[in-house]
Structure formats: C-alpha cells, structure tokens
Amino acid sequence: MSFCSFFGGEVFKDHFKPGLYVCAKCDHQLFSSRSKYEHSSPWPAFTETIHEDSVSKHQERPGAYKVRCGKCGNGLGHEFVNDGPAKGVSRF
C-alpha cells in the first residue's frame, strides 16, 4: 500500500486477499490483511499495525493524524479519532 492522491484510484481499497501490506518505498511491514476493514474512504483502512514501529503518526489538527511509514517516512494517509469498523462486524 502506498499513499495516493484522492483522485488516483487506490487499487488496494477493495483488495481483501490474505497477506501483508508493506511500504511501497522501502518494503517495511505495515499492516496485515487480518486488520483490514471496509471503509467509505478511497484508501484501505486498518485497525492495527504489524509492529509497534510500523508507522509514525503526527497530529495535523484535533482528531486527525498524518500517518507515515515508520522506517522511511513515506506518506500513507490519515487516521481519524473515533473512526473505525462497526462493532461486531468482521471480514475474517
């Protein structure tokens, strides 16, 4: 998975095959397909990272964090507070 523009047509949004998502720039392990969930944004969404240092987060404004690769700093998107899968809904 890598950062894309809003109009770029993210190819991994509806991709739910088992596997690992890695940084497109440095191959650092980011997310497992087990933590992926359906979301209304154009980008894939995950509930947790593979490792504690998989990503870094920096607050851009209250409730919104910029997410970057924990190894090389490649932009991955945003995390929004209180946003996530509906409780009791699971794909796996």
Protein backbone atom coordinates (compact mmCIF):
# COMPACT_ATOMS: atom_id res chain seq x y z
CA MET A 1 0.00 0.00 0.00
CA SER A 2 1.29 3.44 -0.73
CA PHE A 3 -0.01 6.97 -0.43
CA CYS A 4 -2.04 8.10 -3.43
CA SER A 5 -3.89 11.25 -4.42
CA PHE A 6 -7.62 11.41 -3.74
CA PHE A 7 -8.32 11.08 -7.48
CA GLY A 8 -5.70 8.37 -8.07
CA GLY A 9 -7.90 5.26 -7.90
CA GLU A 10 -6.35 3.33 -5.00
CA VAL A 11 -6.06 -0.31 -6.11
CA PHE A 12 -5.93 -1.84 -2.61
CA LYS A 13 -9.19 -0.38 -1.23
CA ASP A 14 -11.31 -3.38 -2.22
CA HIS A 15 -8.47 -5.93 -2.11
CA PHE A 16 -9.09 -8.47 0.69
CA LYS A 17 -6.78 -11.37 -0.17
CA PRO A 18 -4.67 -12.64 2.78
CA GLY A 19 -1.22 -11.13 3.07
CA LEU A 20 0.91 -8.25 4.28
CA TYR A 21 0.88 -4.62 3.22
CA VAL A 22 4.34 -3.08 3.00
CA CYS A 23 5.65 0.39 2.26
CA ALA A 24 5.94 0.93 -1.49
CA LYS A 25 9.13 2.90 -0.96
CA CYS A 26 11.15 0.68 1.44
CA ASP A 27 9.22 -2.62 1.91
CA HIS A 28 8.81 -2.02 5.68
CA GLN A 29 5.94 -4.21 7.01
CA LEU A 30 2.91 -2.05 7.83
CA PHE A 31 -0.37 -3.96 8.12
CA SER A 32 -1.79 -7.48 7.91
CA SER A 33 -4.86 -8.18 5.80
CA ARG A 34 -6.41 -9.55 9.03
CA SER A 35 -6.69 -5.99 10.38
CA LYS A 36 -8.20 -4.54 7.18
CA TYR A 37 -11.84 -3.45 7.09
CA GLU A 38 -14.29 -1.97 4.60
CA HIS A 39 -14.38 1.81 4.70
CA SER A 40 -16.01 4.62 2.73
CA SER A 41 -12.77 6.49 2.00
CA PRO A 42 -10.88 5.83 -1.25
CA TRP A 43 -7.99 4.22 0.69
CA PRO A 44 -7.67 0.91 2.51
CA ALA A 45 -8.29 1.07 6.28
CA PHE A 46 -6.74 -0.99 9.09
CA THR A 47 -7.37 -1.44 12.82
CA GLU A 48 -3.75 -2.15 13.83
CA THR A 49 -0.18 -2.27 12.57
CA ILE A 50 2.09 -5.32 12.36
CA HIS A 51 4.78 -3.86 14.63
CA GLU A 52 4.73 -1.03 17.12
CA ASP A 53 7.12 0.91 14.85
CA SER A 54 5.37 0.07 11.55
CA VAL A 55 4.03 3.62 11.25
CA SER A 56 4.50 7.02 12.83
CA LYS A 57 1.63 9.42 13.47
CA HIS A 58 1.70 13.19 13.78
CA GLN A 59 -1.34 15.26 14.69
CA GLU A 60 -2.33 17.61 11.86
CA ARG A 61 -5.41 19.00 13.62
CA PRO A 62 -7.61 17.84 16.52
CA GLY A 63 -8.86 14.36 15.71
CA ALA A 64 -6.74 13.89 12.56
CA TYR A 65 -3.29 12.32 12.34
CA LYS A 66 -0.95 12.08 9.35
CA VAL A 67 0.34 8.50 9.08
CA ARG A 68 3.79 7.75 7.65
CA CYS A 69 5.96 4.68 7.23
CA GLY A 70 7.84 4.13 10.49
CA LYS A 71 11.07 3.40 8.62
CA CYS A 72 11.35 5.85 5.71
CA GLY A 73 8.61 8.43 6.36
CA ASN A 74 6.63 7.72 3.16
CA GLY A 75 3.13 9.23 3.45
CA LEU A 76 0.39 6.62 3.94
CA GLY A 77 -2.71 8.69 4.61
CA HIS A 78 -4.61 9.77 7.72
CA GLU A 79 -6.10 8.34 10.87
CA PHE A 80 -9.22 9.93 12.33
CA VAL A 81 -10.15 9.64 16.01
CA ASN A 82 -13.28 7.54 16.67
CA ASP A 83 -13.32 6.26 13.10
CA GLY A 84 -13.24 2.52 12.54
CA PRO A 85 -15.23 -0.59 11.76
CA ALA A 86 -18.71 -1.04 13.18
CA LYS A 87 -18.63 -3.11 16.36
CA GLY A 88 -19.49 -6.76 15.76
CA VAL A 89 -18.64 -6.57 12.05
CA SER A 90 -15.70 -8.63 10.87
CA ARG A 91 -14.49 -9.81 7.48
CA PHE A 92 -12.24 -12.58 8.81
